[in-house]
C-alpha cells in the first residue's frame, strides 16, 4: 500500500509543477494501489480550485472515481 498526499496529487495535476514529471514517473513505476484520505482529497480539491480552476478540480475528482488504482479512505 502506498499513501499519496496532497503534494503528489497537485504535482500530478499541474504540468507546470516542478515535481510533475517525477510524480508521473512514480505513478508509472508503482505496482501497488494508491491510498489517500478524504482529508487529502478535500485539501487537494480546494488547492486545485484556487490554483488551477474548476476544470482541474473536476478532472481530479473524476480520476479518483474512475481509476481502479486509487482508493480514498475515511480516517476516524
Protein backbone atom coordinates (compact mmCIF):
# COMPACT_ATOMS: atom_id res chain seq x y z
CA UNK A 1 0.00 0.00 0.00
CA UNK A 2 1.28 3.46 -0.92
CA UNK A 3 -0.24 6.55 0.68
CA UNK A 4 -0.45 9.62 -1.57
CA UNK A 5 -0.56 13.08 -0.03
CA UNK A 6 -1.74 16.41 -1.37
CA UNK A 7 1.66 17.34 -2.80
CA UNK A 8 1.68 14.24 -5.00
CA UNK A 9 -1.81 14.90 -6.39
CA UNK A 10 -1.05 18.57 -7.02
CA UNK A 11 2.18 17.72 -8.84
CA UNK A 12 0.38 15.11 -10.92
CA UNK A 13 -2.39 17.54 -11.89
CA UNK A 14 -0.20 20.55 -12.71
CA UNK A 15 2.14 20.22 -15.69
CA UNK A 16 3.98 23.35 -14.56
CA UNK A 17 4.72 21.95 -11.10
CA UNK A 18 8.44 21.29 -10.61
CA UNK A 19 7.63 17.76 -9.43
CA UNK A 20 5.12 16.92 -12.19
CA UNK A 21 7.41 14.63 -14.21
CA UNK A 22 8.65 12.85 -11.09
CA UNK A 23 5.06 12.24 -9.96
CA UNK A 24 4.09 10.88 -13.38
CA UNK A 25 7.14 8.62 -13.45
CA UNK A 26 6.43 7.31 -9.95
CA UNK A 27 2.82 6.62 -10.90
CA UNK A 28 4.02 4.52 -13.87
CA UNK A 29 6.56 2.63 -11.73
CA UNK A 30 4.44 1.60 -8.78
CA UNK A 31 2.61 -1.68 -8.87
CA UNK A 32 0.53 -1.15 -5.74
CA UNK A 33 -2.77 0.55 -5.13
CA UNK A 34 -2.56 4.23 -4.15
CA UNK A 35 -4.37 5.08 -0.94
CA UNK A 36 -5.32 8.59 0.11
CA UNK A 37 -7.60 10.03 2.77
CA UNK A 38 -10.71 12.12 2.35
CA UNK A 39 -8.88 14.90 4.23
CA UNK A 40 -6.24 14.86 1.48
CA UNK A 41 -8.93 14.76 -1.22
CA UNK A 42 -10.62 17.80 0.34
CA UNK A 43 -7.36 19.73 0.60
CA UNK A 44 -6.36 18.80 -2.95
CA UNK A 45 -9.74 19.86 -4.34
CA UNK A 46 -9.54 23.21 -2.56
CA UNK A 47 -5.99 23.92 -3.76
CA UNK A 48 -6.70 22.79 -7.32
CA UNK A 49 -9.75 25.05 -7.46
CA UNK A 50 -7.78 28.04 -6.17
CA UNK A 51 -4.65 27.44 -8.27
CA UNK A 52 -5.85 25.80 -11.49
CA UNK A 53 -9.63 26.25 -11.61
CA UNK A 54 -12.74 24.14 -11.62
CA UNK A 55 -11.70 22.01 -14.62
CA UNK A 56 -8.56 20.76 -12.84
CA UNK A 57 -10.59 20.07 -9.72
CA UNK A 58 -13.20 18.15 -11.73
CA UNK A 59 -10.55 16.07 -13.53
CA UNK A 60 -9.01 15.12 -10.18
CA UNK A 61 -12.35 14.02 -8.74
CA UNK A 62 -13.20 12.10 -11.91
CA UNK A 63 -9.87 10.27 -11.80
CA UNK A 64 -10.50 9.23 -8.19
CA UNK A 65 -13.94 7.96 -9.14
CA UNK A 66 -12.87 6.03 -12.24
CA UNK A 67 -9.29 4.83 -11.72
CA UNK A 68 -9.19 1.42 -10.09
CA UNK A 69 -5.64 2.02 -8.84
CA UNK A 70 -6.76 4.79 -6.44
CA UNK A 71 -8.67 4.41 -3.19
CA UNK A 72 -9.78 7.14 -0.78
CA UNK A 73 -10.31 6.03 2.80
CA UNK A 74 -12.02 7.61 5.78
CA UNK A 75 -9.89 8.24 8.85
CA UNK A 76 -11.85 8.17 12.11
